[in-house]
Amino acid sequence: MTDPEPGLEIGKELAALLDQLSPEEKERFRQSLAELVHDLRQSLGIIFTAEVLLRRRKTVPASELELLNTINIASKRSLDLLNNFAGPLEKKNSQE
């Protein structure tokens, strides 16, 4: 069966593990993770934007359209996975 929210469960597990760290270790880990998530979101945003801009051309060959559809689906799926993974960690961080 496919996980309806891929990455969410592991994000929750990681958030629970973070509670076992010292405050200094926890902050260092959260900061590193926040930077990583930011960089990945930015990269996915660039991919998604490039796909949208390429579709705006007056003529898009069918072979390229299929590739652009694949890029669109993959970038959205990757962003959902990243958001599901990071969500529990970001939520826990904002509560502290």
PDB file of N, CA and C in Angstrom:
ATOM      1  N   MET A   1       0.843  -1.172   0.000  1.00  0.00           N
ATOM      2  CA  MET A   1       0.000   0.000   0.000  1.00  0.00           C
ATOM      3  C   MET A   1       0.895   1.245   0.000  1.00  0.00           C
ATOM      4  N   THR A   2       0.486   2.273  -0.749  1.00  0.00           N
ATOM      5  CA  THR A   2       1.238   3.517  -0.837  1.00  0.00           C
ATOM      6  C   THR A   2       0.910   4.409   0.356  1.00  0.00           C
ATOM      7  N   ASP A   3       1.937   4.983   0.926  1.00  0.00           N
ATOM      8  CA  ASP A   3       1.770   5.903   2.047  1.00  0.00           C
ATOM      9  C   ASP A   3       1.092   7.173   1.537  1.00  0.00           C
ATOM     10  N   PRO A   4      -0.080   7.554   2.090  1.00  0.00           N
ATOM     11  CA  PRO A   4      -0.775   8.744   1.598  1.00  0.00           C
ATOM     12  C   PRO A   4      -0.003  10.041   1.848  1.00  0.00           C
ATOM     13  N   GLU A   5       0.836  10.036   2.843  1.00  0.00           N
ATOM     14  CA  GLU A   5       1.665  11.205   3.139  1.00  0.00           C
ATOM     15  C   GLU A   5       3.106  10.747   3.340  1.00  0.00           C
ATOM     16  N   PRO A   6       3.797  10.462   2.224  1.00  0.00           N
ATOM     17  CA  PRO A   6       5.160   9.952   2.350  1.00  0.00           C
ATOM     18  C   PRO A   6       6.062  10.924   3.100  1.00  0.00           C
ATOM     19  N   GLY A   7       6.884  10.380   3.968  1.00  0.00           N
ATOM     20  CA  GLY A   7       7.820  11.196   4.730  1.00  0.00           C
ATOM     21  C   GLY A   7       7.289  11.665   6.065  1.00  0.00           C
ATOM     22  N   LEU A   8       5.973  11.651   6.246  1.00  0.00           N
ATOM     23  CA  LEU A   8       5.386  12.178   7.480  1.00  0.00           C
ATOM     24  C   LEU A   8       5.768  11.332   8.692  1.00  0.00           C
ATOM     25  N   GLU A   9       5.673  10.024   8.567  1.00  0.00           N
ATOM     26  CA  GLU A   9       5.957   9.148   9.701  1.00  0.00           C
ATOM     27  C   GLU A   9       7.415   9.268  10.146  1.00  0.00           C
ATOM     28  N   ILE A  10       8.336   9.285   9.197  1.00  0.00           N
ATOM     29  CA  ILE A  10       9.748   9.404   9.581  1.00  0.00           C
ATOM     30  C   ILE A  10      10.039  10.777  10.173  1.00  0.00           C
ATOM     31  N   GLY A  11       9.340  11.806   9.698  1.00  0.00           N
ATOM     32  CA  GLY A  11       9.499  13.134  10.290  1.00  0.00           C
ATOM     33  C   GLY A  11       9.043  13.153  11.734  1.00  0.00           C
ATOM     34  N   LYS A  12       7.937  12.461  12.013  1.00  0.00           N
ATOM     35  CA  LYS A  12       7.443  12.371  13.395  1.00  0.00           C
ATOM     36  C   LYS A  12       8.423  11.601  14.273  1.00  0.00           C
ATOM     37  N   GLU A  13       8.962  10.505  13.735  1.00  0.00           N
ATOM     38  CA  GLU A  13       9.926   9.709  14.500  1.00  0.00           C
ATOM     39  C   GLU A  13      11.185  10.515  14.799  1.00  0.00           C
ATOM     40  N   LEU A  14      11.656  11.254  13.820  1.00  0.00           N
ATOM     41  CA  LEU A  14      12.855  12.073  14.022  1.00  0.00           C
ATOM     42  C   LEU A  14      12.595  13.176  15.042  1.00  0.00           C
ATOM     43  N   ALA A  15      11.413  13.782  14.991  1.00  0.00           N
ATOM     44  CA  ALA A  15      11.063  14.816  15.967  1.00  0.00           C
ATOM     45  C   ALA A  15      11.075  14.240  17.380  1.00  0.00           C
ATOM     46  N   ALA A  16      10.583  13.008  17.536  1.00  0.00           N
ATOM     47  CA  ALA A  16      10.585  12.365  18.850  1.00  0.00           C
ATOM     48  C   ALA A  16      12.014  12.056  19.312  1.00  0.00           C
ATOM     49  N   LEU A  17      12.858  11.644  18.391  1.00  0.00           N
ATOM     50  CA  LEU A  17      14.260  11.368  18.744  1.00  0.00           C
ATOM     51  C   LEU A  17      15.005  12.628  19.168  1.00  0.00           C
ATOM     52  N   LEU A  18      14.645  13.742  18.554  1.00  0.00           N
ATOM     53  CA  LEU A  18      15.300  15.005  18.900  1.00  0.00           C
ATOM     54  C   LEU A  18      15.085  15.371  20.367  1.00  0.00           C
ATOM     55  N   ASP A  19      13.963  14.942  20.925  1.00  0.00           N
ATOM     56  CA  ASP A  19      13.678  15.244  22.326  1.00  0.00           C
ATOM     57  C   ASP A  19      14.693  14.622  23.270  1.00  0.00           C
ATOM     58  N   GLN A  20      15.422  13.619  22.788  1.00  0.00           N
ATOM     59  CA  GLN A  20      16.413  12.947  23.625  1.00  0.00           C
ATOM     60  C   GLN A  20      17.768  13.655  23.624  1.00  0.00           C
ATOM     61  N   LEU A  21      17.929  14.634  22.768  1.00  0.00           N
ATOM     62  CA  LEU A  21      19.199  15.358  22.681  1.00  0.00           C
ATOM     63  C   LEU A  21      19.264  16.483  23.707  1.00  0.00           C
ATOM     64  N   SER A  22      20.475  16.902  23.999  1.00  0.00           N
ATOM     65  CA  SER A  22      20.651  18.062  24.864  1.00  0.00           C
ATOM     66  C   SER A  22      20.129  19.286  24.108  1.00  0.00           C
ATOM     67  N   PRO A  23      19.785  20.350  24.825  1.00  0.00           N
ATOM     68  CA  PRO A  23      19.286  21.550  24.138  1.00  0.00           C
ATOM     69  C   PRO A  23      20.252  22.090  23.082  1.00  0.00           C
ATOM     70  N   GLU A  24      21.546  22.038  23.354  1.00  0.00           N
ATOM     71  CA  GLU A  24      22.534  22.541  22.394  1.00  0.00           C
ATOM     72  C   GLU A  24      22.571  21.667  21.144  1.00  0.00           C
ATOM     73  N   GLU A  25      22.574  20.329  21.353  1.00  0.00           N
ATOM     74  CA  GLU A  25      22.593  19.411  20.218  1.00  0.00           C
ATOM     75  C   GLU A  25      21.306  19.536  19.398  1.00  0.00           C
ATOM     76  N   LYS A  26      20.204  19.665  20.100  1.00  0.00           N
ATOM     77  CA  LYS A  26      18.908  19.798  19.440  1.00  0.00           C
ATOM     78  C   LYS A  26      18.878  21.047  18.562  1.00  0.00           C
ATOM     79  N   GLU A  27      19.353  22.148  19.081  1.00  0.00           N
ATOM     80  CA  GLU A  27      19.351  23.401  18.323  1.00  0.00           C
ATOM     81  C   GLU A  27      20.275  23.315  17.114  1.00  0.00           C
ATOM     82  N   ARG A  28      21.444  22.719  17.300  1.00  0.00           N
ATOM     83  CA  ARG A  28      22.394  22.574  16.197  1.00  0.00           C
ATOM     84  C   ARG A  28      21.795  21.696  15.093  1.00  0.00           C
ATOM     85  N   PHE A  29      21.159  20.594  15.482  1.00  0.00           N
ATOM     86  CA  PHE A  29      20.545  19.699  14.509  1.00  0.00           C
ATOM     87  C   PHE A  29      19.392  20.390  13.779  1.00  0.00           C
ATOM     88  N   ARG A  30      18.537  21.057  14.525  1.00  0.00           N
ATOM     89  CA  ARG A  30      17.388  21.746  13.913  1.00  0.00           C
ATOM     90  C   ARG A  30      17.845  22.838  12.938  1.00  0.00           C
ATOM     91  N   GLN A  31      18.893  23.557  13.308  1.00  0.00           N
ATOM     92  CA  GLN A  31      19.407  24.609  12.427  1.00  0.00           C
ATOM     93  C   GLN A  31      19.945  24.010  11.133  1.00  0.00           C
ATOM     94  N   SER A  32      20.695  22.930  11.245  1.00  0.00           N
ATOM     95  CA  SER A  32      21.238  22.260  10.052  1.00  0.00           C
ATOM     96  C   SER A  32      20.111  21.725   9.177  1.00  0.00           C
ATOM     97  N   LEU A  33      19.117  21.132   9.813  1.00  0.00           N
ATOM     98  CA  LEU A  33      17.990  20.591   9.066  1.00  0.00           C
ATOM     99  C   LEU A  33      17.184  21.704   8.389  1.00  0.00           C
ATOM    100  N   ALA A  34      17.007  22.809   9.086  1.00  0.00           N
ATOM    101  CA  ALA A  34      16.271  23.941   8.505  1.00  0.00           C
ATOM    102  C   ALA A  34      16.989  24.468   7.262  1.00  0.00           C
ATOM    103  N   GLU A  35      18.301  24.540   7.314  1.00  0.00           N
ATOM    104  CA  GLU A  35      19.069  24.997   6.154  1.00  0.00           C
ATOM    105  C   GLU A  35      18.944  24.019   4.995  1.00  0.00           C
ATOM    106  N   LEU A  36      19.004  22.735   5.300  1.00  0.00           N
ATOM    107  CA  LEU A  36      18.872  21.704   4.273  1.00  0.00           C
ATOM    108  C   LEU A  36      17.492  21.765   3.614  1.00  0.00           C
ATOM    109  N   VAL A  37      16.455  21.836   4.420  1.00  0.00           N
ATOM    110  CA  VAL A  37      15.093  21.890   3.898  1.00  0.00           C
ATOM    111  C   VAL A  37      14.895  23.149   3.054  1.00  0.00           C
ATOM    112  N   HIS A  38      15.420  24.268   3.513  1.00  0.00           N
ATOM    113  CA  HIS A  38      15.322  25.520   2.750  1.00  0.00           C
ATOM    114  C   HIS A  38      15.984  25.365   1.384  1.00  0.00           C
ATOM    115  N   ASP A  39      17.194  24.820   1.366  1.00  0.00           N
ATOM    116  CA  ASP A  39      17.919  24.656   0.110  1.00  0.00           C
ATOM    117  C   ASP A  39      17.195  23.709  -0.840  1.00  0.00           C
ATOM    118  N   LEU A  40      16.648  22.624  -0.308  1.00  0.00           N
ATOM    119  CA  LEU A  40      15.914  21.683  -1.154  1.00  0.00           C
ATOM    120  C   LEU A  40      14.630  22.307  -1.699  1.00  0.00           C
ATOM    121  N   ARG A  41      13.917  23.057  -0.865  1.00  0.00           N
ATOM    122  CA  ARG A  41      12.699  23.732  -1.342  1.00  0.00           C
ATOM    123  C   ARG A  41      13.041  24.733  -2.440  1.00  0.00           C
ATOM    124  N   GLN A  42      14.132  25.453  -2.262  1.00  0.00           N
ATOM    125  CA  GLN A  42      14.547  26.432  -3.268  1.00  0.00           C
ATOM    126  C   GLN A  42      14.886  25.731  -4.582  1.00  0.00           C
ATOM    127  N   SER A  43      15.609  24.631  -4.515  1.00  0.00           N
ATOM    128  CA  SER A  43      15.965  23.887  -5.729  1.00  0.00           C
ATOM    129  C   SER A  43      14.718  23.340  -6.426  1.00  0.00           C
ATOM    130  N   LEU A  44      13.790  22.803  -5.661  1.00  0.00           N
ATOM    131  CA  LEU A  44      12.554  22.304  -6.252  1.00  0.00           C
ATOM    132  C   LEU A  44      11.732  23.435  -6.865  1.00  0.00           C
ATOM    133  N   GLY A  45      11.749  24.577  -6.235  1.00  0.00           N
ATOM    134  CA  GLY A  45      11.056  25.738  -6.777  1.00  0.00           C
ATOM    135  C   GLY A  45      11.628  26.162  -8.121  1.00  0.00           C
ATOM    136  N   ILE A  46      12.936  26.101  -8.252  1.00  0.00           N
ATOM    137  CA  ILE A  46      13.593  26.454  -9.512  1.00  0.00           C
ATOM    138  C   ILE A  46      13.206  25.455 -10.602  1.00  0.00           C
ATOM    139  N   ILE A  47      13.197  24.175 -10.268  1.00  0.00           N
ATOM    140  CA  ILE A  47      12.810  23.141 -11.235  1.00  0.00           C
ATOM    141  C   ILE A  47      11.363  23.355 -11.675  1.00  0.00           C
ATOM    142  N   PHE A  48      10.485  23.579 -10.731  1.00  0.00           N
ATOM    143  CA  PHE A  48       9.076  23.779 -11.037  1.00  0.00           C
ATOM    144  C   PHE A  48       8.886  25.033 -11.904  1.00  0.00           C
ATOM    145  N   THR A  49       9.560  26.116 -11.564  1.00  0.00           N
ATOM    146  CA  THR A  49       9.451  27.359 -12.328  1.00  0.00           C
ATOM    147  C   THR A  49       9.977  27.176 -13.755  1.00  0.00           C
ATOM    148  N   ALA A  50      11.076  26.469 -13.897  1.00  0.00           N
ATOM    149  CA  ALA A  50      11.632  26.222 -15.230  1.00  0.00           C
ATOM    150  C   ALA A  50      10.639  25.426 -16.079  1.00  0.00           C
ATOM    151  N   GLU A  51       9.995  24.455 -15.472  1.00  0.00           N
ATOM    152  CA  GLU A  51       9.005  23.647 -16.187  1.00  0.00           C
ATOM    153  C   GLU A  51       7.847  24.525 -16.657  1.00  0.00           C
ATOM    154  N   VAL A  52       7.354  25.397 -15.796  1.00  0.00           N
ATOM    155  CA  VAL A  52       6.252  26.292 -16.154  1.00  0.00           C
ATOM    156  C   VAL A  52       6.671  27.234 -17.285  1.00  0.00           C
ATOM    157  N   LEU A  53       7.860  27.786 -17.198  1.00  0.00           N
ATOM    158  CA  LEU A  53       8.336  28.707 -18.238  1.00  0.00           C
ATOM    159  C   LEU A  53       8.519  28.004 -19.580  1.00  0.00           C
ATOM    160  N   LEU A  54       9.003  26.772 -19.548  1.00  0.00           N
ATOM    161  CA  LEU A  54       9.167  26.028 -20.803  1.00  0.00           C
ATOM    162  C   LEU A  54       7.822  25.739 -21.463  1.00  0.00           C
ATOM    163  N   ARG A  55       6.781  25.557 -20.683  1.00  0.00           N
ATOM    164  CA  ARG A  55       5.436  25.320 -21.228  1.00  0.00           C
ATOM    165  C   ARG A  55       4.876  26.568 -21.911  1.00  0.00           C
ATOM    166  N   ARG A  56       5.361  27.730 -21.565  1.00  0.00           N
ATOM    167  CA  ARG A  56       4.823  28.983 -22.112  1.00  0.00           C
ATOM    168  C   ARG A  56       5.277  29.263 -23.536  1.00  0.00           C
ATOM    169  N   ARG A  57       6.184  28.477 -24.054  1.00  0.00           N
ATOM    170  CA  ARG A  57       6.614  28.679 -25.442  1.00  0.00           C
ATOM    171  C   ARG A  57       5.419  28.510 -26.378  1.00  0.00           C
ATOM    172  N   LYS A  58       5.496  29.151 -27.527  1.00  0.00           N
ATOM    173  CA  LYS A  58       4.374  29.083 -28.477  1.00  0.00           C
ATOM    174  C   LYS A  58       4.120  27.665 -28.952  1.00  0.00           C
ATOM    175  N   THR A  59       5.179  26.930 -29.201  1.00  0.00           N
ATOM    176  CA  THR A  59       5.018  25.532 -29.618  1.00  0.00           C
ATOM    177  C   THR A  59       5.885  24.655 -28.730  1.00  0.00           C
ATOM    178  N   VAL A  60       5.255  23.613 -28.215  1.00  0.00           N
ATOM    179  CA  VAL A  60       5.970  22.643 -27.392  1.00  0.00           C
ATOM    180  C   VAL A  60       5.762  21.277 -28.043  1.00  0.00           C
ATOM    181  N   PRO A  61       6.841  20.672 -28.558  1.00  0.00           N
ATOM    182  CA  PRO A  61       6.708  19.355 -29.186  1.00  0.00           C
ATOM    183  C   PRO A  61       6.132  18.331 -28.203  1.00  0.00           C
ATOM    184  N   ALA A  62       5.391  17.381 -28.735  1.00  0.00           N
ATOM    185  CA  ALA A  62       4.743  16.360 -27.896  1.00  0.00           C
ATOM    186  C   ALA A  62       5.755  15.623 -27.029  1.00  0.00           C
ATOM    187  N   SER A  63       6.930  15.340 -27.585  1.00  0.00           N
ATOM    188  CA  SER A  63       7.950  14.619 -26.811  1.00  0.00           C
ATOM    189  C   SER A  63       8.406  15.450 -25.609  1.00  0.00           C
ATOM    190  N   GLU A  64       8.508  16.761 -25.773  1.00  0.00           N
ATOM    191  CA  GLU A  64       8.898  17.634 -24.666  1.00  0.00           C
ATOM    192  C   GLU A  64       7.751  17.802 -23.676  1.00  0.00           C
ATOM    193  N   LEU A  65       6.534  17.822 -24.174  1.00  0.00           N
ATOM    194  CA  LEU A  65       5.379  17.958 -23.296  1.00  0.00           C
ATOM    195  C   LEU A  65       5.294  16.787 -22.323  1.00  0.00           C
ATOM    196  N   GLU A  66       5.559  15.604 -22.819  1.00  0.00           N
ATOM    197  CA  GLU A  66       5.556  14.421 -21.949  1.00  0.00           C
ATOM    198  C   GLU A  66       6.642  14.548 -20.870  1.00  0.00           C
ATOM    199  N   LEU A  67       7.808  15.010 -21.261  1.00  0.00           N
ATOM    200  CA  LEU A  67       8.902  15.207 -20.305  1.00  0.00           C
ATOM    201  C   LEU A  67       8.542  16.290 -19.285  1.00  0.00           C
ATOM    202  N   LEU A  68       7.931  17.379 -19.746  1.00  0.00           N
ATOM    203  CA  LEU A  68       7.523  18.452 -18.835  1.00  0.00           C
ATOM    204  C   LEU A  68       6.465  17.959 -17.846  1.00  0.00           C
ATOM    205  N   ASN A  69       5.562  17.102 -18.304  1.00  0.00           N
ATOM    206  CA  ASN A  69       4.574  16.521 -17.394  1.00  0.00           C
ATOM    207  C   ASN A  69       5.250  15.683 -16.317  1.00  0.00           C
ATOM    208  N   THR A  70       6.240  14.915 -16.720  1.00  0.00           N
ATOM    209  CA  THR A  70       6.988  14.088 -15.765  1.00  0.00           C
ATOM    210  C   THR A  70       7.735  14.962 -14.763  1.00  0.00           C
ATOM    211  N   ILE A  71       8.358  16.020 -15.231  1.00  0.00           N
ATOM    212  CA  ILE A  71       9.066  16.950 -14.350  1.00  0.00           C
ATOM    213  C   ILE A  71       8.094  17.598 -13.365  1.00  0.00           C
ATOM    214  N   ASN A  72       6.933  18.003 -13.845  1.00  0.00           N
ATOM    215  CA  ASN A  72       5.922  18.629 -12.996  1.00  0.00           C
ATOM    216  C   ASN A  72       5.473  17.680 -11.886  1.00  0.00           C
ATOM    217  N   ILE A  73       5.138  16.460 -12.262  1.00  0.00           N
ATOM    218  CA  ILE A  73       4.671  15.475 -11.275  1.00  0.00           C
ATOM    219  C   ILE A  73       5.769  15.155 -10.260  1.00  0.00           C
ATOM    220  N   ALA A  74       6.985  14.942 -10.747  1.00  0.00           N
ATOM    221  CA  ALA A  74       8.092  14.591  -9.858  1.00  0.00           C
ATOM    222  C   ALA A  74       8.446  15.732  -8.913  1.00  0.00           C
ATOM    223  N   SER A  75       8.427  16.971  -9.408  1.00  0.00           N
ATOM    224  CA  SER A  75       8.781  18.092  -8.532  1.00  0.00           C
ATOM    225  C   SER A  75       7.709  18.315  -7.475  1.00  0.00           C
ATOM    226  N   LYS A  76       6.440  18.167  -7.842  1.00  0.00           N
ATOM    227  CA  LYS A  76       5.364  18.301  -6.850  1.00  0.00           C
ATOM    228  C   LYS A  76       5.428  17.186  -5.816  1.00  0.00           C
ATOM    229  N   ARG A  77       5.685  15.961  -6.265  1.00  0.00           N
ATOM    230  CA  ARG A  77       5.791  14.826  -5.345  1.00  0.00           C
ATOM    231  C   ARG A  77       6.965  15.023  -4.385  1.00  0.00           C
ATOM    232  N   SER A  78       8.078  15.508  -4.911  1.00  0.00           N
ATOM    233  CA  SER A  78       9.257  15.740  -4.069  1.00  0.00           C
ATOM    234  C   SER A  78       8.994  16.832  -3.030  1.00  0.00           C
ATOM    235  N   LEU A  79       8.301  17.893  -3.449  1.00  0.00           N
ATOM    236  CA  LEU A  79       7.979  18.968  -2.510  1.00  0.00           C
ATOM    237  C   LEU A  79       7.015  18.473  -1.433  1.00  0.00           C
ATOM    238  N   ASP A  80       6.026  17.673  -1.811  1.00  0.00           N
ATOM    239  CA  ASP A  80       5.112  17.102  -0.818  1.00  0.00           C
ATOM    240  C   ASP A  80       5.870  16.230   0.183  1.00  0.00           C
ATOM    241  N   LEU A  81       6.771  15.395  -0.331  1.00  0.00           N
ATOM    242  CA  LEU A  81       7.572  14.529   0.535  1.00  0.00           C
ATOM    243  C   LEU A  81       8.400  15.363   1.503  1.00  0.00           C
ATOM    244  N   LEU A  82       9.057  16.393   0.998  1.00  0.00           N
ATOM    245  CA  LEU A  82       9.881  17.255   1.837  1.00  0.00           C
ATOM    246  C   LEU A  82       9.034  17.972   2.893  1.00  0.00           C
ATOM    247  N   ASN A  83       7.889  18.509   2.492  1.00  0.00           N
ATOM    248  CA  ASN A  83       7.014  19.195   3.443  1.00  0.00           C
ATOM    249  C   ASN A  83       6.464  18.248   4.496  1.00  0.00           C
ATOM    250  N   ASN A  84       6.090  17.034   4.086  1.00  0.00           N
ATOM    251  CA  ASN A  84       5.607  16.050   5.056  1.00  0.00           C
ATOM    252  C   ASN A  84       6.696  15.667   6.045  1.00  0.00           C
ATOM    253  N   PHE A  85       7.905  15.488   5.550  1.00  0.00           N
ATOM    254  CA  PHE A  85       9.027  15.123   6.410  1.00  0.00           C
ATOM    255  C   PHE A  85       9.364  16.246   7.380  1.00  0.00           C
ATOM    256  N   ALA A  86       9.446  17.465   6.859  1.00  0.00           N
ATOM    257  CA  ALA A  86       9.894  18.593   7.679  1.00  0.00           C
ATOM    258  C   ALA A  86       8.797  19.134   8.589  1.00  0.00           C
ATOM    259  N   GLY A  87       7.536  18.905   8.237  1.00  0.00           N
ATOM    260  CA  GLY A  87       6.414  19.460   8.993  1.00  0.00           C
ATOM    261  C   GLY A  87       6.462  19.193  10.486  1.00  0.00           C
ATOM    262  N   PRO A  88       6.571  17.920  10.896  1.00  0.00           N
ATOM    263  CA  PRO A  88       6.614  17.643  12.341  1.00  0.00           C
ATOM    264  C   PRO A  88       7.803  18.294  13.037  1.00  0.00           C
ATOM    265  N   LEU A  89       8.911  18.402  12.341  1.00  0.00           N
ATOM    266  CA  LEU A  89      10.103  19.008  12.939  1.00  0.00           C
ATOM    267  C   LEU A  89       9.930  20.514  13.069  1.00  0.00           C
ATOM    268  N   GLU A  90       9.352  21.142  12.049  1.00  0.00           N
ATOM    269  CA  GLU A  90       9.129  22.593  12.094  1.00  0.00           C
ATOM    270  C   GLU A  90       8.058  22.936  13.119  1.00  0.00           C
ATOM    271  N   LYS A  91       7.024  22.115  13.198  1.00  0.00           N
ATOM    272  CA  LYS A  91       5.957  22.357  14.159  1.00  0.00           C
ATOM    273  C   LYS A  91       6.487  22.246  15.591  1.00  0.00           C
ATOM    274  N   LYS A  92       7.290  21.219  15.840  1.00  0.00           N
ATOM    275  CA  LYS A  92       7.861  21.030  17.176  1.00  0.00           C
ATOM    276  C   LYS A  92       8.776  22.193  17.526  1.00  0.00           C
ATOM    277  N   ASN A  93       9.544  22.674  16.555  1.00  0.00           N
ATOM    278  CA  ASN A  93      10.468  23.783  16.782  1.00  0.00           C
ATOM    279  C   ASN A  93       9.700  25.055  17.120  1.00  0.00           C
ATOM    280  N   SER A  94       8.569  25.303  16.460  1.00  0.00           N
ATOM    281  CA  SER A  94       7.816  26.528  16.728  1.00  0.00           C
ATOM    282  C   SER A  94       7.096  26.480  18.076  1.00  0.00           C
ATOM    283  N   GLN A  95       6.910  25.281  18.622  1.00  0.00           N
ATOM    284  CA  GLN A  95       6.246  25.146  19.916  1.00  0.00           C
ATOM    285  C   GLN A  95       7.190  25.353  21.078  1.00  0.00           C
ATOM    286  N   GLU A  96       8.491  25.292  20.813  1.00  0.00           N
ATOM    287  CA  GLU A  96       9.478  25.406  21.908  1.00  0.00           C
ATOM    288  C   GLU A  96       9.882  26.839  22.145  1.00  0.00           C
TER     289      GLU A  96
END
